[in-house]
Amino acid sequence: MIGVVHYVILSALLFVIGLYGAMTRKNGISVLMSVELMFNAANINFVALSYRFRDVAFLAGQAFPLFVIAIAAAEVTVGLAIVLSLYRSSNTVNLDEANQLRG
């Protein structure tokens, strides 16, 4: 039987994989995908723990991931605009060359 502990372990593993990807990648798109993976790991944790502790915060634990998804969509939009601007100026999405965007 799959319990809440399994979801928390899955969430922790996804967060660590996302953190590793965000810290080691130089490609802007890969970094954005890693950050999204960390957001999704937090969402799994919110839902699993709200299911476990069915008290007053039950609806908050279910609704908070909706706000996280909305904010993540806005973050991806801004991040992709920055990566596109970097690509237009230097023909690469390597984040080591991001200092060229400074005015």
PDB file of N, CA and C in Angstrom:
ATOM      1  N   MET A   1       0.834  -1.178   0.000  1.00  0.00           N
ATOM      2  CA  MET A   1       0.000   0.000   0.000  1.00  0.00           C
ATOM      3  C   MET A   1       0.884   1.249   0.000  1.00  0.00           C
ATOM      4  N   ILE A   2       0.512   2.197  -0.821  1.00  0.00           N
ATOM      5  CA  ILE A   2       1.281   3.436  -0.933  1.00  0.00           C
ATOM      6  C   ILE A   2       0.753   4.430   0.086  1.00  0.00           C
ATOM      7  N   GLY A   3       1.651   4.883   0.944  1.00  0.00           N
ATOM      8  CA  GLY A   3       1.271   5.824   1.987  1.00  0.00           C
ATOM      9  C   GLY A   3       1.826   7.213   1.714  1.00  0.00           C
ATOM     10  N   VAL A   4       1.609   8.082   2.657  1.00  0.00           N
ATOM     11  CA  VAL A   4       2.055   9.466   2.524  1.00  0.00           C
ATOM     12  C   VAL A   4       3.577   9.542   2.513  1.00  0.00           C
ATOM     13  N   VAL A   5       4.217   8.646   3.235  1.00  0.00           N
ATOM     14  CA  VAL A   5       5.684   8.645   3.289  1.00  0.00           C
ATOM     15  C   VAL A   5       6.275   8.434   1.902  1.00  0.00           C
ATOM     16  N   HIS A   6       5.651   7.602   1.102  1.00  0.00           N
ATOM     17  CA  HIS A   6       6.132   7.354  -0.252  1.00  0.00           C
ATOM     18  C   HIS A   6       6.057   8.625  -1.106  1.00  0.00           C
ATOM     19  N   TYR A   7       4.981   9.388  -0.944  1.00  0.00           N
ATOM     20  CA  TYR A   7       4.854  10.634  -1.692  1.00  0.00           C
ATOM     21  C   TYR A   7       5.877  11.669  -1.229  1.00  0.00           C
ATOM     22  N   VAL A   8       6.159  11.703   0.053  1.00  0.00           N
ATOM     23  CA  VAL A   8       7.154  12.648   0.563  1.00  0.00           C
ATOM     24  C   VAL A   8       8.548  12.266   0.072  1.00  0.00           C
ATOM     25  N   ILE A   9       8.842  10.980   0.028  1.00  0.00           N
ATOM     26  CA  ILE A   9      10.131  10.524  -0.501  1.00  0.00           C
ATOM     27  C   ILE A   9      10.241  10.849  -1.985  1.00  0.00           C
ATOM     28  N   LEU A  10       9.165  10.609  -2.741  1.00  0.00           N
ATOM     29  CA  LEU A  10       9.152  10.964  -4.160  1.00  0.00           C
ATOM     30  C   LEU A  10       9.364  12.459  -4.332  1.00  0.00           C
ATOM     31  N   SER A  11       8.703  13.250  -3.522  1.00  0.00           N
ATOM     32  CA  SER A  11       8.849  14.697  -3.591  1.00  0.00           C
ATOM     33  C   SER A  11      10.287  15.121  -3.294  1.00  0.00           C
ATOM     34  N   ALA A  12      10.884  14.519  -2.293  1.00  0.00           N
ATOM     35  CA  ALA A  12      12.265  14.854  -1.953  1.00  0.00           C
ATOM     36  C   ALA A  12      13.225  14.475  -3.078  1.00  0.00           C
ATOM     37  N   LEU A  13      13.019  13.317  -3.677  1.00  0.00           N
ATOM     38  CA  LEU A  13      13.876  12.903  -4.794  1.00  0.00           C
ATOM     39  C   LEU A  13      13.736  13.835  -5.992  1.00  0.00           C
ATOM     40  N   LEU A  14      12.502  14.194  -6.327  1.00  0.00           N
ATOM     41  CA  LEU A  14      12.293  15.121  -7.445  1.00  0.00           C
ATOM     42  C   LEU A  14      12.908  16.479  -7.160  1.00  0.00           C
ATOM     43  N   PHE A  15      12.801  16.946  -5.917  1.00  0.00           N
ATOM     44  CA  PHE A  15      13.388  18.234  -5.576  1.00  0.00           C
ATOM     45  C   PHE A  15      14.908  18.201  -5.686  1.00  0.00           C
ATOM     46  N   VAL A  16      15.518  17.110  -5.216  1.00  0.00           N
ATOM     47  CA  VAL A  16      16.980  16.999  -5.298  1.00  0.00           C
ATOM     48  C   VAL A  16      17.434  16.909  -6.749  1.00  0.00           C
ATOM     49  N   ILE A  17      16.706  16.172  -7.581  1.00  0.00           N
ATOM     50  CA  ILE A  17      17.052  16.093  -9.006  1.00  0.00           C
ATOM     51  C   ILE A  17      16.925  17.468  -9.665  1.00  0.00           C
ATOM     52  N   GLY A  18      15.854  18.192  -9.334  1.00  0.00           N
ATOM     53  CA  GLY A  18      15.684  19.535  -9.882  1.00  0.00           C
ATOM     54  C   GLY A  18      16.753  20.498  -9.411  1.00  0.00           C
ATOM     55  N   LEU A  19      17.122  20.408  -8.145  1.00  0.00           N
ATOM     56  CA  LEU A  19      18.178  21.270  -7.610  1.00  0.00           C
ATOM     57  C   LEU A  19      19.513  20.968  -8.273  1.00  0.00           C
ATOM     58  N   TYR A  20      19.813  19.693  -8.457  1.00  0.00           N
ATOM     59  CA  TYR A  20      21.053  19.311  -9.143  1.00  0.00           C
ATOM     60  C   TYR A  20      21.057  19.844 -10.579  1.00  0.00           C
ATOM     61  N   GLY A  21      19.930  19.708 -11.252  1.00  0.00           N
ATOM     62  CA  GLY A  21      19.848  20.202 -12.627  1.00  0.00           C
ATOM     63  C   GLY A  21      19.978  21.710 -12.701  1.00  0.00           C
ATOM     64  N   ALA A  22      19.385  22.433 -11.768  1.00  0.00           N
ATOM     65  CA  ALA A  22      19.468  23.891 -11.797  1.00  0.00           C
ATOM     66  C   ALA A  22      20.873  24.387 -11.465  1.00  0.00           C
ATOM     67  N   MET A  23      21.595  23.643 -10.637  1.00  0.00           N
ATOM     68  CA  MET A  23      22.926  24.087 -10.242  1.00  0.00           C
ATOM     69  C   MET A  23      24.006  23.713 -11.252  1.00  0.00           C
ATOM     70  N   THR A  24      23.809  22.644 -12.010  1.00  0.00           N
ATOM     71  CA  THR A  24      24.873  22.166 -12.885  1.00  0.00           C
ATOM     72  C   THR A  24      24.675  22.496 -14.354  1.00  0.00           C
ATOM     73  N   ARG A  25      23.478  22.818 -14.772  1.00  0.00           N
ATOM     74  CA  ARG A  25      23.233  23.075 -16.196  1.00  0.00           C
ATOM     75  C   ARG A  25      23.628  24.488 -16.574  1.00  0.00           C
ATOM     76  N   LYS A  26      24.073  24.637 -17.799  1.00  0.00           N
ATOM     77  CA  LYS A  26      24.399  25.955 -18.329  1.00  0.00           C
ATOM     78  C   LYS A  26      23.403  26.397 -19.384  1.00  0.00           C
ATOM     79  N   ASN A  27      22.574  25.480 -19.834  1.00  0.00           N
ATOM     80  CA  ASN A  27      21.559  25.792 -20.824  1.00  0.00           C
ATOM     81  C   ASN A  27      20.357  26.414 -20.106  1.00  0.00           C
ATOM     82  N   GLY A  28      19.894  27.552 -20.602  1.00  0.00           N
ATOM     83  CA  GLY A  28      18.808  28.272 -19.949  1.00  0.00           C
ATOM     84  C   GLY A  28      17.513  27.490 -19.907  1.00  0.00           C
ATOM     85  N   ILE A  29      17.200  26.768 -20.971  1.00  0.00           N
ATOM     86  CA  ILE A  29      15.969  25.981 -21.012  1.00  0.00           C
ATOM     87  C   ILE A  29      16.043  24.844 -19.985  1.00  0.00           C
ATOM     88  N   SER A  30      17.178  24.203 -19.854  1.00  0.00           N
ATOM     89  CA  SER A  30      17.337  23.119 -18.882  1.00  0.00           C
ATOM     90  C   SER A  30      17.198  23.626 -17.450  1.00  0.00           C
ATOM     91  N   VAL A  31      17.704  24.815 -17.191  1.00  0.00           N
ATOM     92  CA  VAL A  31      17.580  25.393 -15.855  1.00  0.00           C
ATOM     93  C   VAL A  31      16.112  25.682 -15.551  1.00  0.00           C
ATOM     94  N   LEU A  32      15.374  26.212 -16.521  1.00  0.00           N
ATOM     95  CA  LEU A  32      13.949  26.472 -16.317  1.00  0.00           C
ATOM     96  C   LEU A  32      13.181  25.171 -16.071  1.00  0.00           C
ATOM     97  N   MET A  33      13.528  24.120 -16.788  1.00  0.00           N
ATOM     98  CA  MET A  33      12.866  22.829 -16.574  1.00  0.00           C
ATOM     99  C   MET A  33      13.186  22.280 -15.193  1.00  0.00           C
ATOM    100  N   SER A  34      14.400  22.483 -14.725  1.00  0.00           N
ATOM    101  CA  SER A  34      14.777  22.016 -13.388  1.00  0.00           C
ATOM    102  C   SER A  34      14.028  22.776 -12.301  1.00  0.00           C
ATOM    103  N   VAL A  35      13.841  24.072 -12.496  1.00  0.00           N
ATOM    104  CA  VAL A  35      13.080  24.863 -11.526  1.00  0.00           C
ATOM    105  C   VAL A  35      11.621  24.404 -11.506  1.00  0.00           C
ATOM    106  N   GLU A  36      11.063  24.105 -12.663  1.00  0.00           N
ATOM    107  CA  GLU A  36       9.695  23.582 -12.725  1.00  0.00           C
ATOM    108  C   GLU A  36       9.588  22.236 -12.011  1.00  0.00           C
ATOM    109  N   LEU A  37      10.611  21.423 -12.119  1.00  0.00           N
ATOM    110  CA  LEU A  37      10.620  20.140 -11.420  1.00  0.00           C
ATOM    111  C   LEU A  37      10.616  20.346  -9.909  1.00  0.00           C
ATOM    112  N   MET A  38      11.332  21.348  -9.439  1.00  0.00           N
ATOM    113  CA  MET A  38      11.322  21.644  -8.007  1.00  0.00           C
ATOM    114  C   MET A  38       9.956  22.160  -7.565  1.00  0.00           C
ATOM    115  N   PHE A  39       9.313  22.984  -8.387  1.00  0.00           N
ATOM    116  CA  PHE A  39       7.963  23.452  -8.066  1.00  0.00           C
ATOM    117  C   PHE A  39       6.989  22.281  -7.983  1.00  0.00           C
ATOM    118  N   ASN A  40       7.079  21.345  -8.913  1.00  0.00           N
ATOM    119  CA  ASN A  40       6.177  20.194  -8.903  1.00  0.00           C
ATOM    120  C   ASN A  40       6.440  19.288  -7.703  1.00  0.00           C
ATOM    121  N   ALA A  41       7.695  19.186  -7.284  1.00  0.00           N
ATOM    122  CA  ALA A  41       8.000  18.405  -6.082  1.00  0.00           C
ATOM    123  C   ALA A  41       7.354  19.047  -4.854  1.00  0.00           C
ATOM    124  N   ALA A  42       7.395  20.365  -4.783  1.00  0.00           N
ATOM    125  CA  ALA A  42       6.739  21.054  -3.663  1.00  0.00           C
ATOM    126  C   ALA A  42       5.224  20.850  -3.720  1.00  0.00           C
ATOM    127  N   ASN A  43       4.661  20.852  -4.918  1.00  0.00           N
ATOM    128  CA  ASN A  43       3.213  20.625  -5.053  1.00  0.00           C
ATOM    129  C   ASN A  43       2.817  19.233  -4.582  1.00  0.00           C
ATOM    130  N   ILE A  44       3.598  18.230  -4.924  1.00  0.00           N
ATOM    131  CA  ILE A  44       3.316  16.863  -4.456  1.00  0.00           C
ATOM    132  C   ILE A  44       3.353  16.817  -2.937  1.00  0.00           C
ATOM    133  N   ASN A  45       4.318  17.503  -2.373  1.00  0.00           N
ATOM    134  CA  ASN A  45       4.446  17.530  -0.912  1.00  0.00           C
ATOM    135  C   ASN A  45       3.251  18.229  -0.265  1.00  0.00           C
ATOM    136  N   PHE A  46       2.817  19.352  -0.824  1.00  0.00           N
ATOM    137  CA  PHE A  46       1.651  20.062  -0.279  1.00  0.00           C
ATOM    138  C   PHE A  46       0.415  19.179  -0.288  1.00  0.00           C
ATOM    139  N   VAL A  47       0.152  18.521  -1.411  1.00  0.00           N
ATOM    140  CA  VAL A  47      -1.061  17.717  -1.528  1.00  0.00           C
ATOM    141  C   VAL A  47      -0.986  16.491  -0.624  1.00  0.00           C
ATOM    142  N   ALA A  48       0.163  15.838  -0.572  1.00  0.00           N
ATOM    143  CA  ALA A  48       0.296  14.640   0.258  1.00  0.00           C
ATOM    144  C   ALA A  48       0.130  14.971   1.738  1.00  0.00           C
ATOM    145  N   LEU A  49       0.733  16.055   2.182  1.00  0.00           N
ATOM    146  CA  LEU A  49       0.634  16.397   3.599  1.00  0.00           C
ATOM    147  C   LEU A  49      -0.734  16.965   3.962  1.00  0.00           C
ATOM    148  N   SER A  50      -1.390  17.608   3.011  1.00  0.00           N
ATOM    149  CA  SER A  50      -2.744  18.076   3.309  1.00  0.00           C
ATOM    150  C   SER A  50      -3.705  16.896   3.403  1.00  0.00           C
ATOM    151  N   TYR A  51      -3.430  15.841   2.643  1.00  0.00           N
ATOM    152  CA  TYR A  51      -4.241  14.627   2.761  1.00  0.00           C
ATOM    153  C   TYR A  51      -4.005  13.943   4.110  1.00  0.00           C
ATOM    154  N   ARG A  52      -2.754  13.963   4.544  1.00  0.00           N
ATOM    155  CA  ARG A  52      -2.409  13.307   5.813  1.00  0.00           C
ATOM    156  C   ARG A  52      -3.001  14.031   7.008  1.00  0.00           C
ATOM    157  N   PHE A  53      -2.886  15.367   7.019  1.00  0.00           N
ATOM    158  CA  PHE A  53      -3.383  16.165   8.141  1.00  0.00           C
ATOM    159  C   PHE A  53      -4.681  16.843   7.711  1.00  0.00           C
ATOM    160  N   ARG A  54      -5.769  16.148   7.810  1.00  0.00           N
ATOM    161  CA  ARG A  54      -7.063  16.665   7.357  1.00  0.00           C
ATOM    162  C   ARG A  54      -7.686  17.553   8.424  1.00  0.00           C
ATOM    163  N   ASP A  55      -7.109  18.697   8.604  1.00  0.00           N
ATOM    164  CA  ASP A  55      -7.664  19.642   9.573  1.00  0.00           C
ATOM    165  C   ASP A  55      -8.105  20.899   8.834  1.00  0.00           C
ATOM    166  N   VAL A  56      -7.978  22.034   9.452  1.00  0.00           N
ATOM    167  CA  VAL A  56      -8.418  23.291   8.857  1.00  0.00           C
ATOM    168  C   VAL A  56      -7.628  23.613   7.598  1.00  0.00           C
ATOM    169  N   ALA A  57      -6.362  23.208   7.546  1.00  0.00           N
ATOM    170  CA  ALA A  57      -5.505  23.543   6.414  1.00  0.00           C
ATOM    171  C   ALA A  57      -5.660  22.576   5.247  1.00  0.00           C
ATOM    172  N   PHE A  58      -6.656  21.698   5.286  1.00  0.00           N
ATOM    173  CA  PHE A  58      -6.820  20.729   4.203  1.00  0.00           C
ATOM    174  C   PHE A  58      -7.061  21.417   2.866  1.00  0.00           C
ATOM    175  N   LEU A  59      -7.961  22.386   2.834  1.00  0.00           N
ATOM    176  CA  LEU A  59      -8.236  23.090   1.584  1.00  0.00           C
ATOM    177  C   LEU A  59      -7.074  23.980   1.162  1.00  0.00           C
ATOM    178  N   ALA A  60      -6.357  24.518   2.123  1.00  0.00           N
ATOM    179  CA  ALA A  60      -5.199  25.341   1.788  1.00  0.00           C
ATOM    180  C   ALA A  60      -4.115  24.496   1.134  1.00  0.00           C
ATOM    181  N   GLY A  61      -3.922  23.290   1.623  1.00  0.00           N
ATOM    182  CA  GLY A  61      -2.935  22.391   1.027  1.00  0.00           C
ATOM    183  C   GLY A  61      -3.331  21.928  -0.359  1.00  0.00           C
ATOM    184  N   GLN A  62      -4.618  21.930  -0.642  1.00  0.00           N
ATOM    185  CA  GLN A  62      -5.087  21.551  -1.976  1.00  0.00           C
ATOM    186  C   GLN A  62      -5.085  22.749  -2.923  1.00  0.00           C
ATOM    187  N   ALA A  63      -5.344  23.952  -2.406  1.00  0.00           N
ATOM    188  CA  ALA A  63      -5.441  25.143  -3.247  1.00  0.00           C
ATOM    189  C   ALA A  63      -4.091  25.796  -3.501  1.00  0.00           C
ATOM    190  N   PHE A  64      -3.162  25.653  -2.577  1.00  0.00           N
ATOM    191  CA  PHE A  64      -1.858  26.303  -2.737  1.00  0.00           C
ATOM    192  C   PHE A  64      -1.121  25.846  -3.994  1.00  0.00           C
ATOM    193  N   PRO A  65      -1.154  24.564  -4.366  1.00  0.00           N
ATOM    194  CA  PRO A  65      -0.505  24.179  -5.622  1.00  0.00           C
ATOM    195  C   PRO A  65      -1.091  24.855  -6.861  1.00  0.00           C
ATOM    196  N   LEU A  66      -2.362  25.241  -6.827  1.00  0.00           N
ATOM    197  CA  LEU A  66      -2.917  25.979  -7.960  1.00  0.00           C
ATOM    198  C   LEU A  66      -2.246  27.336  -8.118  1.00  0.00           C
ATOM    199  N   PHE A  67      -1.988  28.004  -6.994  1.00  0.00           N
ATOM    200  CA  PHE A  67      -1.282  29.271  -7.058  1.00  0.00           C
ATOM    201  C   PHE A  67       0.170  29.070  -7.496  1.00  0.00           C
ATOM    202  N   VAL A  68       0.784  28.000  -7.048  1.00  0.00           N
ATOM    203  CA  VAL A  68       2.165  27.716  -7.453  1.00  0.00           C
ATOM    204  C   VAL A  68       2.238  27.465  -8.954  1.00  0.00           C
ATOM    205  N   ILE A  69       1.255  26.753  -9.509  1.00  0.00           N
ATOM    206  CA  ILE A  69       1.233  26.492 -10.945  1.00  0.00           C
ATOM    207  C   ILE A  69       1.049  27.795 -11.720  1.00  0.00           C
ATOM    208  N   ALA A  70       0.184  28.681 -11.233  1.00  0.00           N
ATOM    209  CA  ALA A  70      -0.020  29.966 -11.905  1.00  0.00           C
ATOM    210  C   ALA A  70       1.236  30.822 -11.873  1.00  0.00           C
ATOM    211  N   ILE A  71       1.909  30.852 -10.740  1.00  0.00           N
ATOM    212  CA  ILE A  71       3.149  31.623 -10.632  1.00  0.00           C
ATOM    213  C   ILE A  71       4.244  30.991 -11.483  1.00  0.00           C
ATOM    214  N   ALA A  72       4.270  29.666 -11.553  1.00  0.00           N
ATOM    215  CA  ALA A  72       5.263  28.984 -12.376  1.00  0.00           C
ATOM    216  C   ALA A  72       5.050  29.287 -13.856  1.00  0.00           C
ATOM    217  N   ALA A  73       3.808  29.408 -14.274  1.00  0.00           N
ATOM    218  CA  ALA A  73       3.532  29.756 -15.663  1.00  0.00           C
ATOM    219  C   ALA A  73       4.052  31.162 -15.981  1.00  0.00           C
ATOM    220  N   ALA A  74       3.854  32.087 -15.055  1.00  0.00           N
ATOM    221  CA  ALA A  74       4.382  33.440 -15.253  1.00  0.00           C
ATOM    222  C   ALA A  74       5.910  33.435 -15.246  1.00  0.00           C
ATOM    223  N   GLU A  75       6.493  32.627 -14.385  1.00  0.00           N
ATOM    224  CA  GLU A  75       7.960  32.525 -14.323  1.00  0.00           C
ATOM    225  C   GLU A  75       8.528  31.972 -15.616  1.00  0.00           C
ATOM    226  N   VAL A  76       7.866  30.985 -16.181  1.00  0.00           N
ATOM    227  CA  VAL A  76       8.341  30.408 -17.439  1.00  0.00           C
ATOM    228  C   VAL A  76       8.235  31.428 -18.560  1.00  0.00           C
ATOM    229  N   THR A  77       7.178  32.214 -18.562  1.00  0.00           N
ATOM    230  CA  THR A  77       7.017  33.230 -19.597  1.00  0.00           C
ATOM    231  C   THR A  77       8.141  34.253 -19.542  1.00  0.00           C
ATOM    232  N   VAL A  78       8.441  34.743 -18.361  1.00  0.00           N
ATOM    233  CA  VAL A  78       9.518  35.718 -18.216  1.00  0.00           C
ATOM    234  C   VAL A  78      10.866  35.072 -18.502  1.00  0.00           C
ATOM    235  N   GLY A  79      11.070  33.850 -18.009  1.00  0.00           N
ATOM    236  CA  GLY A  79      12.332  33.155 -18.246  1.00  0.00           C
ATOM    237  C   GLY A  79      12.578  32.871 -19.712  1.00  0.00           C
ATOM    238  N   LEU A  80      11.553  32.441 -20.424  1.00  0.00           N
ATOM    239  CA  LEU A  80      11.721  32.190 -21.860  1.00  0.00           C
ATOM    240  C   LEU A  80      11.960  33.478 -22.627  1.00  0.00           C
ATOM    241  N   ALA A  81      11.370  34.583 -22.188  1.00  0.00           N
ATOM    242  CA  ALA A  81      11.645  35.867 -22.828  1.00  0.00           C
ATOM    243  C   ALA A  81      13.100  36.264 -22.636  1.00  0.00           C
ATOM    244  N   ILE A  82      13.644  36.015 -21.454  1.00  0.00           N
ATOM    245  CA  ILE A  82      15.055  36.325 -21.199  1.00  0.00           C
ATOM    246  C   ILE A  82      15.957  35.419 -22.023  1.00  0.00           C
ATOM    247  N   VAL A  83      15.634  34.129 -22.095  1.00  0.00           N
ATOM    248  CA  VAL A  83      16.445  33.197 -22.883  1.00  0.00           C
ATOM    249  C   VAL A  83      16.374  33.553 -24.360  1.00  0.00           C
ATOM    250  N   LEU A  84      15.209  33.953 -24.844  1.00  0.00           N
ATOM    251  CA  LEU A  84      15.065  34.361 -26.243  1.00  0.00           C
ATOM    252  C   LEU A  84      15.874  35.611 -26.528  1.00  0.00           C
ATOM    253  N   SER A  85      15.879  36.555 -25.602  1.00  0.00           N
ATOM    254  CA  SER A  85      16.692  37.757 -25.761  1.00  0.00           C
ATOM    255  C   SER A  85      18.175  37.421 -25.772  1.00  0.00           C
ATOM    256  N   LEU A  86      18.583  36.489 -24.916  1.00  0.00           N
ATOM    257  CA  LEU A  86      19.978  36.042 -24.907  1.00  0.00           C
ATOM    258  C   LEU A  86      20.330  35.372 -26.221  1.00  0.00           C
ATOM    259  N   TYR A  87      19.421  34.560 -26.753  1.00  0.00           N
ATOM    260  CA  TYR A  87      19.688  33.872 -28.018  1.00  0.00           C
ATOM    261  C   TYR A  87      19.785  34.867 -29.173  1.00  0.00           C
ATOM    262  N   ARG A  88      18.927  35.871 -29.174  1.00  0.00           N
ATOM    263  CA  ARG A  88      18.972  36.857 -30.250  1.00  0.00           C
ATOM    264  C   ARG A  88      20.255  37.667 -30.228  1.00  0.00           C
ATOM    265  N   SER A  89      20.779  37.939 -29.041  1.00  0.00           N
ATOM    266  CA  SER A  89      21.977  38.769 -28.960  1.00  0.00           C
ATOM    267  C   SER A  89      23.268  37.981 -29.159  1.00  0.00           C
ATOM    268  N   SER A  90      23.268  36.687 -28.789  1.00  0.00           N
ATOM    269  CA  SER A  90      24.536  35.948 -28.858  1.00  0.00           C
ATOM    270  C   SER A  90      24.442  34.615 -29.584  1.00  0.00           C
ATOM    271  N   ASN A  91      23.286  34.261 -30.134  1.00  0.00           N
ATOM    272  CA  ASN A  91      23.073  33.000 -30.859  1.00  0.00           C
ATOM    273  C   ASN A  91      23.395  31.768 -30.013  1.00  0.00           C
ATOM    274  N   THR A  92      23.193  31.865 -28.703  1.00  0.00           N
ATOM    275  CA  THR A  92      23.362  30.734 -27.807  1.00  0.00           C
ATOM    276  C   THR A  92      22.448  30.921 -26.602  1.00  0.00           C
ATOM    277  N   VAL A  93      22.111  29.819 -25.961  1.00  0.00           N
ATOM    278  CA  VAL A  93      21.321  29.897 -24.730  1.00  0.00           C
ATOM    279  C   VAL A  93      22.176  29.535 -23.518  1.00  0.00           C
ATOM    280  N   ASN A  94      23.487  29.623 -23.675  1.00  0.00           N
ATOM    281  CA  ASN A  94      24.413  29.354 -22.589  1.00  0.00           C
ATOM    282  C   ASN A  94      24.318  30.474 -21.563  1.00  0.00           C
ATOM    283  N   LEU A  95      24.052  30.119 -20.307  1.00  0.00           N
ATOM    284  CA  LEU A  95      23.867  31.144 -19.281  1.00  0.00           C
ATOM    285  C   LEU A  95      25.157  31.809 -18.837  1.00  0.00           C
ATOM    286  N   ASP A  96      26.311  31.233 -19.222  1.00  0.00           N
ATOM    287  CA  ASP A  96      27.570  31.898 -18.898  1.00  0.00           C
ATOM    288  C   ASP A  96      27.732  33.197 -19.670  1.00  0.00           C
ATOM    289  N   GLU A  97      27.019  33.329 -20.770  1.00  0.00           N
ATOM    290  CA  GLU A  97      27.111  34.531 -21.574  1.00  0.00           C
ATOM    291  C   GLU A  97      25.982  35.516 -21.273  1.00  0.00           C
ATOM    292  N   ALA A  98      25.291  35.304 -20.178  1.00  0.00           N
ATOM    293  CA  ALA A  98      24.156  36.163 -19.828  1.00  0.00           C
ATOM    294  C   ALA A  98      24.596  37.555 -19.412  1.00  0.00           C
ATOM    295  N   ASN A  99      25.846  37.739 -19.069  1.00  0.00           N
ATOM    296  CA  ASN A  99      26.299  39.083 -18.683  1.00  0.00           C
ATOM    297  C   ASN A  99      26.313  40.035 -19.871  1.00  0.00           C
ATOM    298  N   GLN A 100      26.163  39.536 -21.095  1.00  0.00           N
ATOM    299  CA  GLN A 100      26.100  40.395 -22.259  1.00  0.00           C
ATOM    300  C   GLN A 100      24.799  41.173 -22.336  1.00  0.00           C
ATOM    301  N   LEU A 101      23.761  40.763 -21.601  1.00  0.00           N
ATOM    302  CA  LEU A 101      22.479  41.432 -21.633  1.00  0.00           C
ATOM    303  C   LEU A 101      22.477  42.711 -20.801  1.00  0.00           C
ATOM    304  N   ARG A 102      23.499  42.913 -19.996  1.00  0.00           N
ATOM    305  CA  ARG A 102      23.540  44.121 -19.177  1.00  0.00           C
ATOM    306  C   ARG A 102      23.733  45.328 -20.090  1.00  0.00           C
ATOM    307  N   GLY A 103      22.947  46.338 -19.820  1.00  0.00           N
ATOM    308  CA  GLY A 103      22.899  47.512 -20.697  1.00  0.00           C
ATOM    309  C   GLY A 103      24.054  48.394 -20.507  1.00  0.00           C
TER     310      GLY A 103
END
